[in-house]
Amino acid sequence: MTAFWTEADFDDHEFVHVVRDRVSGLTAIIAVHSTHLGPGAGGTRFWHYPNPKDGLRDALRLSRGMSYKNAMAGLPMGGGKAVILADEARTKTPELLAAFGDAVEGLGGRYVTAEDVGMSEADMVTLSGRTSHVSGLPVSGEDSAGGDPGPFTSYGIYLGIKAAVKHRLGTDNMKGVHVAVQGTGSVGGGVARLLAKDGARLTLADIHADGVRALAEELGAQVVAPDAILTTKCDVLSPNALGAILDDESIARLDAQIVAGGANNQLARSNHGKALFDHGTLYAPDYVINAGGIISVATEYLAGREGRHASRDEVNALIEQIPARLESIWQASAADNVSPDVEADRMAQALIGRG
């Protein structure tokens, strides 16, 4: 593993903790970017990285994104992220999870974890047997916050797409608005279902062909190949898979008025925000629009520390503030003639004391 402080994505992170447990086979990276507003909060990603350096890059980029996301969501939480470097078979054992839970507990509350790609609600239950610094646990009642944060993420993205359509297209009505959804898993599928209820015209793409065809049949949507979705002519492109999909080539070929989706780190590099802006496409900064999940798990965690259960209404009320935040970013972007990602970064950096 290379020295993390020499990496291009290192941004004065407060700490980067590499965890190795020979008995269970665990190798993990826990990165905390900032605890200025509170403990570093962000999910754990379980993923096979052929090159471990890519896992480090993910941990650094995602933890910085969580600092910005939590700050812009108005949460008293800092930014952190963990990646478990899975083997090629993606072997996940109780012993491996226990070792990871012990590592989180050993940080003394400086990092709070939850679900991310490759991790489930059941995995959070396993971790909770080793650490109290975990959220996204099963709900304790019908109206209680908790459990899988995916539906809350979907709800925030859906509201953000509607805000972007109103801002760019000048309408509150989604009927007939063409949205191309990249990635139809838990989050993207949830977004598609919410948009379908509003009468949006949907084009879907996912690497899991059977799943995306079933969803398209359910919603009356069109399916295109994964490599075609980014060039689909549409009103809104909604990326909801892995990140770094907006680069020089894809932006040049983009035929969408709006990019608004839940994938983290959609811009391959910082200059691609300006490229998108110059292309004439309205961008919803990813860490602002996709904050619904962390709002859910953070509210659940903080309420638990107070000895109470947060309600779903409490969580939804916070998620419903996302459109106003996006609108303030777009207005500032237009006034300053800079891309929305730059405006969002400025706001977030000021909130975490790095402005």
Protein backbone atom coordinates (compact mmCIF):
# COMPACT_ATOMS: atom_id res chain seq x y z
CA MET A 1 0.00 0.00 0.00
CA THR A 2 1.41 3.37 -0.99
CA ALA A 3 1.78 6.18 1.55
CA PHE A 4 -1.72 7.62 1.67
CA TRP A 5 -0.58 11.22 2.12
CA THR A 6 1.06 11.16 -1.31
CA GLU A 7 -2.20 10.23 -3.05
CA ALA A 8 -3.87 12.83 -5.27
CA ASP A 9 -7.15 12.29 -3.37
CA PHE A 10 -5.63 12.90 0.08
CA ASP A 11 -7.13 16.14 1.42
CA ASP A 12 -5.67 16.65 4.89
CA HIS A 13 -7.65 13.69 6.19
CA GLU A 14 -7.52 13.51 9.97
CA PHE A 15 -6.62 9.83 9.87
CA VAL A 16 -6.47 6.83 7.59
CA HIS A 17 -6.55 3.54 9.47
CA VAL A 18 -5.50 0.31 7.75
CA VAL A 19 -6.90 -2.79 9.46
CA ARG A 20 -5.38 -6.25 9.00
CA ASP A 21 -6.58 -9.36 10.81
CA ARG A 22 -4.74 -12.51 9.80
CA VAL A 23 -7.15 -14.98 11.41
CA SER A 24 -10.31 -13.70 9.68
CA GLY A 25 -8.57 -12.50 6.53
CA LEU A 26 -9.82 -8.94 7.01
CA THR A 27 -8.14 -6.10 5.19
CA ALA A 28 -9.95 -2.78 5.51
CA ILE A 29 -9.30 0.94 5.24
CA ILE A 30 -11.12 3.42 7.47
CA ALA A 31 -10.65 7.04 6.43
CA VAL A 32 -11.92 10.01 8.42
CA HIS A 33 -11.68 13.31 6.58
CA SER A 34 -13.08 15.68 9.21
CA THR A 35 -14.61 15.61 12.68
CA HIS A 36 -15.15 19.39 12.77
CA LEU A 37 -18.92 19.02 13.09
CA GLY A 38 -19.00 15.64 14.87
CA PRO A 39 -17.85 12.04 14.51
CA GLY A 40 -16.92 10.95 11.00
CA ALA A 41 -19.99 9.19 9.59
CA GLY A 42 -20.26 7.16 6.41
CA GLY A 43 -21.00 3.61 5.33
CA THR A 44 -18.74 0.63 4.82
CA ARG A 45 -18.19 -0.61 1.27
CA PHE A 46 -17.47 -4.34 0.74
CA TRP A 47 -15.83 -4.63 -2.65
CA HIS A 48 -13.20 -6.59 -4.53
CA TYR A 49 -10.42 -4.30 -5.73
CA PRO A 50 -7.93 -6.08 -8.02
CA ASN A 51 -5.55 -3.25 -7.14
CA PRO A 52 -5.71 -2.33 -3.40
CA LYS A 53 -4.67 1.21 -4.34
CA ASP A 54 -8.15 1.65 -5.84
CA GLY A 55 -9.63 0.80 -2.44
CA LEU A 56 -7.51 3.49 -0.84
CA ARG A 57 -8.61 5.96 -3.50
CA ASP A 58 -12.25 5.10 -2.82
CA ALA A 59 -11.82 5.53 0.93
CA LEU A 60 -10.15 8.92 0.52
CA ARG A 61 -12.60 10.29 -2.02
CA LEU A 62 -15.72 8.93 -0.34
CA SER A 63 -14.76 10.12 3.15
CA ARG A 64 -14.14 13.64 1.86
CA GLY A 65 -17.49 13.46 0.09
CA MET A 66 -19.13 12.46 3.37
CA SER A 67 -17.66 15.53 5.11
CA TYR A 68 -19.28 17.72 2.49
CA LYS A 69 -22.49 15.68 2.38
CA ASN A 70 -23.07 15.73 6.12
CA ALA A 71 -22.25 19.42 6.37
CA MET A 72 -24.58 20.38 3.53
CA ALA A 73 -27.33 18.19 5.00
CA GLY A 74 -27.13 20.18 8.23
CA LEU A 75 -26.04 17.16 10.27
CA PRO A 76 -23.76 17.42 13.34
CA MET A 77 -21.51 14.76 11.84
CA GLY A 78 -18.12 14.74 10.17
CA GLY A 79 -17.05 12.69 7.18
CA GLY A 80 -15.75 9.13 7.18
CA LYS A 81 -15.83 6.02 5.03
CA ALA A 82 -14.60 2.46 5.22
CA VAL A 83 -13.82 -0.08 2.55
CA ILE A 84 -13.36 -3.77 3.21
CA LEU A 85 -11.09 -5.24 0.53
CA ALA A 86 -12.98 -8.38 -0.39
CA ASP A 87 -11.31 -11.31 -2.09
CA GLU A 88 -12.30 -12.23 -5.64
CA ALA A 89 -14.99 -14.60 -4.34
CA ARG A 90 -16.30 -11.82 -2.07
CA THR A 91 -16.03 -14.08 0.97
CA LYS A 92 -17.81 -12.50 3.92
CA THR A 93 -17.72 -14.39 7.22
CA PRO A 94 -18.97 -13.63 10.74
CA GLU A 95 -15.33 -13.65 11.86
CA LEU A 96 -14.37 -11.05 9.27
CA LEU A 97 -17.28 -8.79 10.26
CA ALA A 98 -16.46 -9.25 13.94
CA ALA A 99 -12.87 -8.17 13.33
CA PHE A 100 -14.08 -5.12 11.45
CA GLY A 101 -16.55 -4.27 14.23
CA ASP A 102 -13.72 -4.47 16.75
CA ALA A 103 -11.69 -2.05 14.62
CA VAL A 104 -14.57 0.45 14.53
CA GLU A 105 -15.05 0.14 18.29
CA GLY A 106 -11.34 0.68 18.82
CA LEU A 107 -11.62 4.13 17.27
CA GLY A 108 -13.68 5.23 20.27
CA GLY A 109 -16.58 6.80 18.37
CA ARG A 110 -14.51 8.88 15.96
CA TYR A 111 -16.08 6.88 13.12
CA VAL A 112 -19.72 5.75 12.79
CA THR A 113 -20.53 3.17 10.13
CA ALA A 114 -23.60 2.00 8.22
CA GLU A 115 -24.49 0.14 5.01
CA ASP A 116 -22.89 0.81 1.66
CA VAL A 117 -22.28 -1.25 -1.48
CA GLY A 118 -21.93 -4.92 -0.60
CA MET A 119 -23.12 -4.53 3.01
CA SER A 120 -26.60 -5.29 4.34
CA GLU A 121 -28.86 -4.54 7.27
CA ALA A 122 -28.02 -8.02 8.60
CA ASP A 123 -24.32 -7.14 8.45
CA MET A 124 -25.01 -4.04 10.55
CA VAL A 125 -26.68 -6.26 13.14
CA THR A 126 -23.54 -8.42 13.23
CA LEU A 127 -21.34 -5.34 13.65
CA SER A 128 -23.57 -4.05 16.44
CA GLY A 129 -22.54 -7.07 18.48
CA ARG A 130 -18.99 -5.66 18.51
CA THR A 131 -19.48 -1.90 18.40
CA SER A 132 -22.09 0.67 19.36
CA HIS A 133 -20.89 3.03 16.63
CA VAL A 134 -23.12 1.60 13.92
CA SER A 135 -26.41 2.65 12.38
CA GLY A 136 -28.81 1.41 9.70
CA LEU A 137 -30.13 -1.23 12.09
CA PRO A 138 -33.57 -2.86 11.76
CA VAL A 139 -36.48 -0.60 12.61
CA SER A 140 -37.91 -0.89 16.09
CA GLY A 141 -41.44 0.11 15.07
CA GLU A 142 -43.57 0.83 12.03
CA ASP A 143 -42.90 4.57 12.16
CA SER A 144 -39.32 4.37 13.46
CA ALA A 145 -36.31 5.51 11.45
CA GLY A 146 -33.68 2.92 10.68
CA GLY A 147 -33.03 -0.07 8.51
CA ASP A 148 -31.91 0.06 4.91
CA PRO A 149 -31.07 3.69 4.04
CA GLY A 150 -31.59 3.03 0.31
CA PRO A 151 -35.26 4.12 0.15
CA PHE A 152 -34.41 7.37 1.93
CA THR A 153 -31.61 8.01 -0.56
CA SER A 154 -34.05 7.34 -3.41
CA TYR A 155 -36.58 9.77 -1.97
CA GLY A 156 -34.04 12.58 -1.75
CA ILE A 157 -32.82 11.98 -5.31
CA TYR A 158 -36.41 11.95 -6.56
CA LEU A 159 -37.06 15.30 -4.89
CA GLY A 160 -33.80 16.66 -6.27
CA ILE A 161 -34.69 15.60 -9.82
CA LYS A 162 -38.04 17.36 -9.50
CA ALA A 163 -36.23 20.50 -8.26
CA ALA A 164 -33.82 20.36 -11.21
CA VAL A 165 -36.68 19.95 -13.69
CA LYS A 166 -38.44 22.94 -12.18
CA HIS A 167 -35.24 25.01 -12.28
CA ARG A 168 -34.18 24.12 -15.83
CA LEU A 169 -37.41 23.16 -17.59
CA GLY A 170 -39.76 25.44 -15.64
CA THR A 171 -42.34 22.81 -14.71
CA ASP A 172 -43.55 21.08 -11.55
CA ASN A 173 -45.12 18.31 -13.63
CA MET A 174 -42.97 15.25 -14.33
CA LYS A 175 -45.45 13.72 -16.75
CA GLY A 176 -43.65 13.01 -20.02
CA VAL A 177 -40.26 14.24 -18.74
CA HIS A 178 -37.68 11.81 -20.10
CA VAL A 179 -35.33 10.47 -17.41
CA ALA A 180 -32.50 8.05 -18.27
CA VAL A 181 -31.63 6.05 -15.15
CA GLN A 182 -28.20 4.42 -14.99
CA GLY A 183 -28.22 1.70 -12.33
CA THR A 184 -31.49 0.17 -11.14
CA GLY A 185 -30.49 -1.44 -7.86
CA SER A 186 -31.90 -0.45 -4.49
CA VAL A 187 -31.41 3.29 -4.99
CA GLY A 188 -31.84 3.68 -8.74
CA GLY A 189 -34.79 1.29 -8.81
CA GLY A 190 -36.44 3.29 -6.03
CA VAL A 191 -35.93 6.53 -7.95
CA ALA A 192 -37.41 4.97 -11.09
CA ARG A 193 -40.51 3.76 -9.25
CA LEU A 194 -41.14 7.19 -7.71
CA LEU A 195 -40.72 8.91 -11.09
CA ALA A 196 -42.99 6.38 -12.80
CA LYS A 197 -45.78 7.25 -10.36
CA ASP A 198 -45.47 10.84 -11.57
CA GLY A 199 -45.78 9.79 -15.20
CA ALA A 200 -42.15 10.35 -16.21
CA ARG A 201 -40.92 8.63 -19.36
CA LEU A 202 -38.11 6.28 -18.32
CA THR A 203 -35.13 4.69 -20.04
CA LEU A 204 -33.24 2.24 -17.84
CA ALA A 205 -29.83 0.56 -17.96
CA ASP A 206 -28.05 -1.82 -15.60
CA ILE A 207 -25.36 -4.49 -15.87
CA HIS A 208 -27.84 -6.98 -14.37
CA ALA A 209 -29.92 -7.63 -17.48
CA ASP A 210 -32.67 -9.75 -15.90
CA GLY A 211 -33.33 -7.28 -13.11
CA VAL A 212 -33.50 -4.23 -15.33
CA ARG A 213 -35.82 -5.98 -17.79
CA ALA A 214 -38.17 -6.96 -14.96
CA LEU A 215 -38.23 -3.39 -13.64
CA ALA A 216 -38.83 -2.00 -17.12
CA GLU A 217 -41.77 -4.34 -17.58
CA GLU A 218 -43.17 -3.32 -14.20
CA LEU A 219 -42.90 0.40 -15.00
CA GLY A 220 -43.48 0.44 -18.74
CA ALA A 221 -39.97 1.72 -19.35
CA GLN A 222 -37.48 1.28 -22.17
CA VAL A 223 -34.17 -0.57 -21.65
CA VAL A 224 -30.86 0.25 -23.33
CA ALA A 225 -27.44 -1.35 -23.01
CA PRO A 226 -25.24 -0.05 -20.16
CA ASP A 227 -22.80 1.52 -22.61
CA ALA A 228 -25.63 3.43 -24.33
CA ILE A 229 -27.32 5.14 -21.38
CA LEU A 230 -24.86 8.05 -21.14
CA THR A 231 -25.54 9.05 -24.76
CA THR A 232 -29.31 8.64 -24.60
CA LYS A 233 -31.13 11.81 -25.63
CA CYS A 234 -33.19 12.77 -22.56
CA ASP A 235 -34.20 15.60 -20.28
CA VAL A 236 -32.49 14.13 -17.21
CA LEU A 237 -29.61 11.70 -16.89
CA SER A 238 -29.73 10.08 -13.44
CA PRO A 239 -26.49 8.18 -12.61
CA ASN A 240 -27.13 5.73 -9.77
CA ALA A 241 -24.31 3.21 -10.17
CA LEU A 242 -20.60 3.64 -9.40
CA GLY A 243 -18.83 6.98 -9.81
CA ALA A 244 -16.37 8.75 -12.11
CA ILE A 245 -18.67 8.41 -15.12
CA LEU A 246 -18.52 12.08 -16.19
CA ASP A 247 -15.25 12.65 -18.00
CA ASP A 248 -14.08 14.46 -21.14
CA GLU A 249 -15.43 11.80 -23.47
CA SER A 250 -18.81 11.18 -21.82
CA ILE A 251 -19.55 14.88 -21.33
CA ALA A 252 -18.81 15.62 -24.99
CA ARG A 253 -21.34 12.95 -26.00
CA LEU A 254 -23.95 13.87 -23.39
CA ASP A 255 -27.42 14.80 -24.72
CA ALA A 256 -29.21 15.70 -21.49
CA GLN A 257 -30.24 19.05 -20.04
CA ILE A 258 -29.80 17.85 -16.45
CA VAL A 259 -27.56 15.40 -14.59
CA ALA A 260 -29.10 14.45 -11.25
CA GLY A 261 -28.48 11.10 -9.58
CA GLY A 262 -27.29 9.24 -6.54
CA ALA A 263 -23.87 7.86 -7.56
CA ASN A 264 -21.02 9.17 -5.45
CA ASN A 265 -18.18 11.09 -7.13
CA GLN A 266 -19.86 11.31 -10.53
CA LEU A 267 -17.22 13.75 -11.79
CA ALA A 268 -14.09 11.85 -12.76
CA ARG A 269 -11.98 14.87 -11.81
CA SER A 270 -12.69 18.36 -10.48
CA ASN A 271 -12.32 20.00 -13.91
CA HIS A 272 -15.23 17.96 -15.22
CA GLY A 273 -17.70 20.09 -13.28
CA LYS A 274 -16.67 23.07 -15.38
CA ALA A 275 -16.80 20.92 -18.51
CA LEU A 276 -20.38 19.98 -17.70
CA PHE A 277 -21.22 23.63 -16.95
CA ASP A 278 -19.70 24.75 -20.26
CA HIS A 279 -21.62 21.97 -22.02
CA GLY A 280 -24.83 23.68 -20.85
CA THR A 281 -25.99 20.84 -18.59
CA LEU A 282 -27.38 21.58 -15.13
CA TYR A 283 -25.64 19.45 -12.50
CA ALA A 284 -27.05 18.49 -9.11
CA PRO A 285 -23.94 17.99 -6.91
CA ASP A 286 -24.03 14.34 -5.94
CA TYR A 287 -23.32 14.70 -2.24
CA VAL A 288 -26.20 17.16 -1.88
CA ILE A 289 -28.88 15.27 -3.81
CA ASN A 290 -28.00 11.82 -2.44
CA ALA A 291 -27.92 12.75 1.25
CA GLY A 292 -31.19 11.01 2.16
CA GLY A 293 -29.50 7.81 3.31
CA ILE A 294 -26.99 9.48 5.62
CA ILE A 295 -29.75 11.72 6.97
CA SER A 296 -31.62 8.55 7.92
CA VAL A 297 -28.72 6.72 9.56
CA ALA A 298 -27.34 9.83 11.28
CA THR A 299 -30.74 10.75 12.70
CA GLU A 300 -31.19 7.16 13.88
CA TYR A 301 -27.73 7.12 15.50
CA LEU A 302 -28.01 10.51 17.18
CA ALA A 303 -31.49 9.74 18.55
CA GLY A 304 -30.16 6.45 19.93
CA ARG A 305 -27.38 8.29 21.76
CA GLU A 306 -30.15 10.38 23.34
CA GLY A 307 -32.01 7.23 24.40
CA ARG A 308 -34.92 7.61 21.98
CA HIS A 309 -36.09 6.39 18.58
CA ALA A 310 -36.23 8.80 15.64
CA SER A 311 -39.38 8.73 13.52
CA ARG A 312 -39.63 8.40 9.75
CA ASP A 313 -41.42 11.77 9.68
CA GLU A 314 -38.40 13.34 11.41
CA VAL A 315 -36.10 11.89 8.76
CA ASN A 316 -38.34 12.82 5.83
CA ALA A 317 -38.66 16.40 7.04
CA LEU A 318 -34.87 16.74 6.83
CA ILE A 319 -34.72 15.05 3.40
CA GLU A 320 -37.36 17.45 2.10
CA GLN A 321 -34.88 20.30 2.61
CA ILE A 322 -32.68 18.95 -0.21
CA PRO A 323 -34.48 20.80 -3.06
CA ALA A 324 -34.00 24.18 -1.35
CA ARG A 325 -30.28 23.49 -0.88
CA LEU A 326 -29.92 22.59 -4.53
CA GLU A 327 -31.79 25.72 -5.60
CA SER A 328 -29.47 27.91 -3.50
CA ILE A 329 -26.46 26.27 -5.16
CA TRP A 330 -27.85 26.76 -8.67
CA GLN A 331 -28.70 30.40 -7.98
CA ALA A 332 -25.20 31.08 -6.64
CA SER A 333 -23.71 29.21 -9.60
CA ALA A 334 -25.56 31.46 -12.04
CA ALA A 335 -24.68 34.63 -10.11
CA ASP A 336 -20.97 33.77 -9.86
CA ASN A 337 -20.74 32.12 -13.31
CA VAL A 338 -19.07 29.04 -11.85
CA SER A 339 -20.17 25.42 -11.92
CA PRO A 340 -22.57 24.11 -9.25
CA ASP A 341 -19.97 21.67 -7.89
CA VAL A 342 -17.62 24.56 -7.14
CA GLU A 343 -20.36 26.49 -5.34
CA ALA A 344 -21.33 23.43 -3.31
CA ASP A 345 -17.70 22.77 -2.37
CA ARG A 346 -17.27 26.36 -1.22
CA MET A 347 -20.33 26.13 0.99
CA ALA A 348 -19.32 22.77 2.44
CA GLN A 349 -15.71 23.82 3.08
CA ALA A 350 -16.90 26.88 4.99
CA LEU A 351 -19.16 24.68 7.13
CA ILE A 352 -16.30 22.32 8.09
CA GLY A 353 -13.88 25.15 8.83
CA ARG A 354 -11.79 24.78 5.67
CA GLY A 355 -13.16 27.65 3.66
